[in-house]
Amino acid sequence: CGRGAADMKGSLASMTVAAERFVADYPDHK
């Protein structure tokens, strides 16, 4: 609950963590 949970700080958190994981797992990505 909170202002921005849906629009769109939740998405910002998801994309940041996904990118962190991706560049750690695939540091030599395309």
All heavy atoms as atom14 arrays in JSON, in Angstrom:
{
  "sequence": "CGRGAADMKGSLASMTVAAERFVADYPDHK",
  "atom14_mask": [
    [1, 1, 1, 1, 1, 1, 0, 0, 0, 0, 0, 0, 0, 0],
    [1, 1, 1, 1, 0, 0, 0, 0, 0, 0, 0, 0, 0, 0],
    [1, 1, 1, 1, 1, 1, 1, 1, 1, 1, 1, 0, 0, 0],
    [1, 1, 1, 1, 0, 0, 0, 0, 0, 0, 0, 0, 0, 0],
    [1, 1, 1, 1, 1, 0, 0, 0, 0, 0, 0, 0, 0, 0],
    [1, 1, 1, 1, 1, 0, 0, 0, 0, 0, 0, 0, 0, 0],
    [1, 1, 1, 1, 1, 1, 1, 1, 0, 0, 0, 0, 0, 0],
    [1, 1, 1, 1, 1, 1, 1, 1, 0, 0, 0, 0, 0, 0],
    [1, 1, 1, 1, 1, 1, 1, 1, 1, 0, 0, 0, 0, 0],
    [1, 1, 1, 1, 0, 0, 0, 0, 0, 0, 0, 0, 0, 0],
    [1, 1, 1, 1, 1, 1, 0, 0, 0, 0, 0, 0, 0, 0],
    [1, 1, 1, 1, 1, 1, 1, 1, 0, 0, 0, 0, 0, 0],
    [1, 1, 1, 1, 1, 0, 0, 0, 0, 0, 0, 0, 0, 0],
    [1, 1, 1, 1, 1, 1, 0, 0, 0, 0, 0, 0, 0, 0],
    [1, 1, 1, 1, 1, 1, 1, 1, 0, 0, 0, 0, 0, 0],
    [1, 1, 1, 1, 1, 1, 1, 0, 0, 0, 0, 0, 0, 0],
    [1, 1, 1, 1, 1, 1, 1, 0, 0, 0, 0, 0, 0, 0],
    [1, 1, 1, 1, 1, 0, 0, 0, 0, 0, 0, 0, 0, 0],
    [1, 1, 1, 1, 1, 0, 0, 0, 0, 0, 0, 0, 0, 0],
    [1, 1, 1, 1, 1, 1, 1, 1, 1, 0, 0, 0, 0, 0],
    [1, 1, 1, 1, 1, 1, 1, 1, 1, 1, 1, 0, 0, 0],
    [1, 1, 1, 1, 1, 1, 1, 1, 1, 1, 1, 0, 0, 0],
    [1, 1, 1, 1, 1, 1, 1, 0, 0, 0, 0, 0, 0, 0],
    [1, 1, 1, 1, 1, 0, 0, 0, 0, 0, 0, 0, 0, 0],
    [1, 1, 1, 1, 1, 1, 1, 1, 0, 0, 0, 0, 0, 0],
    [1, 1, 1, 1, 1, 1, 1, 1, 1, 1, 1, 1, 0, 0],
    [1, 1, 1, 1, 1, 1, 1, 0, 0, 0, 0, 0, 0, 0],
    [1, 1, 1, 1, 1, 1, 1, 1, 0, 0, 0, 0, 0, 0],
    [1, 1, 1, 1, 1, 1, 1, 1, 1, 1, 0, 0, 0, 0],
    [1, 1, 1, 1, 1, 1, 1, 1, 1, 0, 0, 0, 0, 0]
  ],
  "atom14_positions": [
    [[0.84, -1.2, 0.0], [0.0, 0.0, 0.0], [0.87, 1.25, 0.0], [1.87, 1.32, 0.72], [-0.9, 0.02, 1.24], [-1.86, -1.49, 1.49], [0.0, 0.0, 0.0], [0.0, 0.0, 0.0], [0.0, 0.0, 0.0], [0.0, 0.0, 0.0], [0.0, 0.0, 0.0], [0.0, 0.0, 0.0], [0.0, 0.0, 0.0], [0.0, 0.0, 0.0]],
    [[0.45, 2.24, -0.78], [1.15, 3.52, -0.79], [1.07, 4.16, -2.16], [0.88, 3.48, -3.17], [0.0, 0.0, 0.0], [0.0, 0.0, 0.0], [0.0, 0.0, 0.0], [0.0, 0.0, 0.0], [0.0, 0.0, 0.0], [0.0, 0.0, 0.0], [0.0, 0.0, 0.0], [0.0, 0.0, 0.0], [0.0, 0.0, 0.0], [0.0, 0.0, 0.0]],
    [[1.22, 5.49, -2.18], [1.18, 6.21, -3.45], [2.4, 5.81, -4.29], [3.54, 5.95, -3.86], [1.16, 7.72, -3.21], [1.23, 8.55, -4.48], [0.07, 8.24, -5.47], [-1.13, 8.99, -5.19], [-2.35, 8.46, -5.25], [-2.52, 7.17, -5.53], [-3.41, 9.19, -5.01], [0.0, 0.0, 0.0], [0.0, 0.0, 0.0], [0.0, 0.0, 0.0]],
    [[2.12, 5.32, -5.49], [3.17, 4.88, -6.39], [3.39, 3.38, -6.39], [4.19, 2.88, -7.19], [0.0, 0.0, 0.0], [0.0, 0.0, 0.0], [0.0, 0.0, 0.0], [0.0, 0.0, 0.0], [0.0, 0.0, 0.0], [0.0, 0.0, 0.0], [0.0, 0.0, 0.0], [0.0, 0.0, 0.0], [0.0, 0.0, 0.0], [0.0, 0.0, 0.0]],
    [[2.69, 2.65, -5.54], [2.88, 1.19, -5.51], [2.65, 0.58, -6.88], [3.43, -0.25, -7.36], [1.94, 0.57, -4.47], [0.0, 0.0, 0.0], [0.0, 0.0, 0.0], [0.0, 0.0, 0.0], [0.0, 0.0, 0.0], [0.0, 0.0, 0.0], [0.0, 0.0, 0.0], [0.0, 0.0, 0.0], [0.0, 0.0, 0.0], [0.0, 0.0, 0.0]],
    [[1.57, 1.02, -7.54], [1.26, 0.52, -8.88], [1.84, 1.4, -9.96], [2.3, 0.91, -11.0], [-0.26, 0.4, -9.05], [0.0, 0.0, 0.0], [0.0, 0.0, 0.0], [0.0, 0.0, 0.0], [0.0, 0.0, 0.0], [0.0, 0.0, 0.0], [0.0, 0.0, 0.0], [0.0, 0.0, 0.0], [0.0, 0.0, 0.0], [0.0, 0.0, 0.0]],
    [[1.84, 2.71, -9.73], [2.19, 3.68, -10.78], [3.25, 4.64, -10.29], [2.94, 5.71, -9.82], [0.92, 4.43, -11.2], [1.1, 5.29, -12.42], [2.14, 5.16, -13.09], [0.2, 6.1, -12.72], [0.0, 0.0, 0.0], [0.0, 0.0, 0.0], [0.0, 0.0, 0.0], [0.0, 0.0, 0.0], [0.0, 0.0, 0.0], [0.0, 0.0, 0.0]],
    [[4.55, 4.32, -10.47], [5.02, 3.04, -10.92], [6.32, 2.64, -10.22], [7.26, 2.16, -10.82], [5.21, 3.02, -12.44], [6.15, 4.1, -12.96], [6.57, 3.86, -14.71], [7.74, 2.51, -14.56], [0.0, 0.0, 0.0], [0.0, 0.0, 0.0], [0.0, 0.0, 0.0], [0.0, 0.0, 0.0], [0.0, 0.0, 0.0], [0.0, 0.0, 0.0]],
    [[6.35, 2.87, -8.89], [7.57, 2.56, -8.16], [7.77, 1.05, -7.98], [8.92, 0.6, -7.85], [7.56, 3.28, -6.81], [7.73, 4.79, -7.0], [7.72, 5.56, -5.7], [7.99, 7.04, -5.96], [7.96, 7.83, -4.71], [0.0, 0.0, 0.0], [0.0, 0.0, 0.0], [0.0, 0.0, 0.0], [0.0, 0.0, 0.0], [0.0, 0.0, 0.0]],
    [[6.68, 0.3, -8.0], [6.82, -1.15, -7.97], [7.58, -1.65, -9.18], [8.5, -2.48, -9.07], [0.0, 0.0, 0.0], [0.0, 0.0, 0.0], [0.0, 0.0, 0.0], [0.0, 0.0, 0.0], [0.0, 0.0, 0.0], [0.0, 0.0, 0.0], [0.0, 0.0, 0.0], [0.0, 0.0, 0.0], [0.0, 0.0, 0.0], [0.0, 0.0, 0.0]],
    [[7.23, -1.14, -10.35], [7.92, -1.53, -11.58], [9.39, -1.1, -11.54], [10.27, -1.84, -12.0], [7.24, -0.9, -12.8], [5.93, -1.37, -12.94], [0.0, 0.0, 0.0], [0.0, 0.0, 0.0], [0.0, 0.0, 0.0], [0.0, 0.0, 0.0], [0.0, 0.0, 0.0], [0.0, 0.0, 0.0], [0.0, 0.0, 0.0], [0.0, 0.0, 0.0]],
    [[9.66, 0.11, -11.03], [11.04, 0.58, -10.94], [11.89, -0.38, -10.11], [13.03, -0.68, -10.46], [11.09, 1.98, -10.34], [10.43, 3.11, -11.13], [10.57, 4.43, -10.37], [11.02, 3.24, -12.52], [0.0, 0.0, 0.0], [0.0, 0.0, 0.0], [0.0, 0.0, 0.0], [0.0, 0.0, 0.0], [0.0, 0.0, 0.0], [0.0, 0.0, 0.0]],
    [[11.33, -0.85, -9.01], [12.05, -1.79, -8.16], [12.29, -3.11, -8.91], [13.39, -3.67, -8.89], [11.28, -2.04, -6.88], [0.0, 0.0, 0.0], [0.0, 0.0, 0.0], [0.0, 0.0, 0.0], [0.0, 0.0, 0.0], [0.0, 0.0, 0.0], [0.0, 0.0, 0.0], [0.0, 0.0, 0.0], [0.0, 0.0, 0.0], [0.0, 0.0, 0.0]],
    [[11.26, -3.6, -9.6], [11.39, -4.87, -10.32], [12.43, -4.79, -11.42], [13.25, -5.7, -11.59], [10.03, -5.27, -10.9], [9.11, -5.64, -9.89], [0.0, 0.0, 0.0], [0.0, 0.0, 0.0], [0.0, 0.0, 0.0], [0.0, 0.0, 0.0], [0.0, 0.0, 0.0], [0.0, 0.0, 0.0], [0.0, 0.0, 0.0], [0.0, 0.0, 0.0]],
    [[12.41, -3.71, -12.19], [13.36, -3.62, -13.3], [14.79, -3.43, -12.79], [15.74, -3.95, -13.38], [12.96, -2.51, -14.28], [12.89, -1.12, -13.73], [12.4, 0.16, -14.95], [10.73, -0.28, -15.36], [0.0, 0.0, 0.0], [0.0, 0.0, 0.0], [0.0, 0.0, 0.0], [0.0, 0.0, 0.0], [0.0, 0.0, 0.0], [0.0, 0.0, 0.0]],
    [[14.94, -2.71, -11.68], [16.28, -2.51, -11.12], [16.86, -3.83, -10.64], [18.01, -4.18, -10.95], [16.24, -1.49, -9.97], [15.74, -0.24, -10.46], [17.62, -1.28, -9.37], [0.0, 0.0, 0.0], [0.0, 0.0, 0.0], [0.0, 0.0, 0.0], [0.0, 0.0, 0.0], [0.0, 0.0, 0.0], [0.0, 0.0, 0.0], [0.0, 0.0, 0.0]],
    [[16.1, -4.58, -9.87], [16.58, -5.86, -9.33], [16.81, -6.86, -10.46], [17.8, -7.61, -10.45], [15.6, -6.4, -8.28], [15.98, -7.82, -7.86], [15.57, -5.47, -7.06], [0.0, 0.0, 0.0], [0.0, 0.0, 0.0], [0.0, 0.0, 0.0], [0.0, 0.0, 0.0], [0.0, 0.0, 0.0], [0.0, 0.0, 0.0], [0.0, 0.0, 0.0]],
    [[15.92, -6.89, -11.45], [16.1, -7.79, -12.58], [17.39, -7.48, -13.33], [18.14, -8.39, -13.71], [14.9, -7.7, -13.52], [0.0, 0.0, 0.0], [0.0, 0.0, 0.0], [0.0, 0.0, 0.0], [0.0, 0.0, 0.0], [0.0, 0.0, 0.0], [0.0, 0.0, 0.0], [0.0, 0.0, 0.0], [0.0, 0.0, 0.0], [0.0, 0.0, 0.0]],
    [[17.67, -6.19, -13.53], [18.89, -5.79, -14.24], [20.13, -6.11, -13.41], [21.15, -6.56, -13.96], [18.84, -4.31, -14.57], [0.0, 0.0, 0.0], [0.0, 0.0, 0.0], [0.0, 0.0, 0.0], [0.0, 0.0, 0.0], [0.0, 0.0, 0.0], [0.0, 0.0, 0.0], [0.0, 0.0, 0.0], [0.0, 0.0, 0.0], [0.0, 0.0, 0.0]],
    [[20.07, -5.87, -12.1], [21.19, -6.23, -11.23], [21.52, -7.71, -11.36], [22.69, -8.1, -11.51], [20.86, -5.9, -9.77], [20.83, -4.42, -9.42], [20.32, -4.18, -8.01], [19.55, -5.02, -7.49], [20.69, -3.15, -7.43], [0.0, 0.0, 0.0], [0.0, 0.0, 0.0], [0.0, 0.0, 0.0], [0.0, 0.0, 0.0], [0.0, 0.0, 0.0]],
    [[20.51, -8.53, -11.29], [20.71, -9.98, -11.38], [21.26, -10.37, -12.74], [22.16, -11.22, -12.87], [19.4, -10.72, -11.12], [18.95, -10.71, -9.67], [17.6, -11.4, -9.53], [17.6, -12.72, -10.13], [16.49, -13.37, -10.52], [15.32, -12.79, -10.4], [16.58, -14.57, -11.04], [0.0, 0.0, 0.0], [0.0, 0.0, 0.0], [0.0, 0.0, 0.0]],
    [[20.71, -9.76, -13.79], [21.1, -10.14, -15.14], [22.56, -9.83, -15.4], [23.3, -10.67, -15.93], [20.21, -9.44, -16.16], [20.61, -9.71, -17.58], [20.33, -10.94, -18.17], [21.29, -8.76, -18.33], [20.71, -11.22, -19.48], [21.67, -9.02, -19.64], [21.38, -10.25, -20.21], [0.0, 0.0, 0.0], [0.0, 0.0, 0.0], [0.0, 0.0, 0.0]],
    [[23.01, -8.62, -15.05], [24.4, -8.27, -15.35], [25.37, -9.03, -14.45], [26.54, -9.22, -14.81], [24.64, -6.76, -15.28], [23.75, -6.03, -16.27], [24.43, -6.22, -13.86], [0.0, 0.0, 0.0], [0.0, 0.0, 0.0], [0.0, 0.0, 0.0], [0.0, 0.0, 0.0], [0.0, 0.0, 0.0], [0.0, 0.0, 0.0], [0.0, 0.0, 0.0]],
    [[24.91, -9.48, -13.28], [25.74, -10.33, -12.43], [25.84, -11.74, -13.01], [26.91, -12.36, -13.01], [25.18, -10.38, -11.01], [0.0, 0.0, 0.0], [0.0, 0.0, 0.0], [0.0, 0.0, 0.0], [0.0, 0.0, 0.0], [0.0, 0.0, 0.0], [0.0, 0.0, 0.0], [0.0, 0.0, 0.0], [0.0, 0.0, 0.0], [0.0, 0.0, 0.0]],
    [[24.72, -12.25, -13.52], [24.69, -13.6, -14.08], [25.31, -13.67, -15.47], [25.89, -14.7, -15.85], [23.24, -14.1, -14.15], [22.63, -14.37, -12.79], [23.39, -14.38, -11.8], [21.4, -14.56, -12.71], [0.0, 0.0, 0.0], [0.0, 0.0, 0.0], [0.0, 0.0, 0.0], [0.0, 0.0, 0.0], [0.0, 0.0, 0.0], [0.0, 0.0, 0.0]],
    [[25.16, -12.6, -16.24], [25.65, -12.57, -17.63], [26.48, -11.3, -17.85], [26.08, -10.4, -18.59], [24.48, -12.61, -18.62], [23.64, -13.86, -18.52], [22.51, -13.89, -17.69], [23.96, -15.0, -19.23], [21.73, -15.04, -17.59], [23.18, -16.16, -19.14], [22.08, -16.16, -18.32], [21.31, -17.3, -18.22], [0.0, 0.0, 0.0], [0.0, 0.0, 0.0]],
    [[27.65, -11.21, -17.21], [28.44, -9.97, -17.31], [28.92, -9.68, -18.73], [29.22, -8.53, -19.05], [29.62, -10.23, -16.36], [29.69, -11.72, -16.22], [28.29, -12.21, -16.33], [0.0, 0.0, 0.0], [0.0, 0.0, 0.0], [0.0, 0.0, 0.0], [0.0, 0.0, 0.0], [0.0, 0.0, 0.0], [0.0, 0.0, 0.0], [0.0, 0.0, 0.0]],
    [[28.97, -10.7, -19.56], [29.44, -10.53, -20.95], [28.28, -10.59, -21.93], [28.41, -11.11, -23.04], [30.48, -11.61, -21.27], [31.43, -11.19, -22.4], [31.76, -9.99, -22.48], [31.8, -12.06, -23.22], [0.0, 0.0, 0.0], [0.0, 0.0, 0.0], [0.0, 0.0, 0.0], [0.0, 0.0, 0.0], [0.0, 0.0, 0.0], [0.0, 0.0, 0.0]],
    [[27.13, -10.06, -21.54], [25.92, -10.15, -22.35], [26.07, -9.41, -23.67], [26.95, -8.54, -23.85], [24.73, -9.6, -21.57], [24.87, -8.16, -21.17], [24.64, -7.11, -22.03], [25.25, -7.59, -19.99], [24.85, -5.96, -21.4], [25.22, -6.22, -20.17], [0.0, 0.0, 0.0], [0.0, 0.0, 0.0], [0.0, 0.0, 0.0], [0.0, 0.0, 0.0]],
    [[25.18, -9.7, -24.59], [25.14, -9.01, -25.88], [24.66, -7.57, -25.69], [23.91, -7.27, -24.76], [24.17, -9.72, -26.83], [24.47, -11.18, -27.07], [23.35, -11.81, -27.89], [23.55, -13.3, -28.07], [22.43, -13.93, -28.81], [0.0, 0.0, 0.0], [0.0, 0.0, 0.0], [0.0, 0.0, 0.0], [0.0, 0.0, 0.0], [0.0, 0.0, 0.0]]
  ]
}
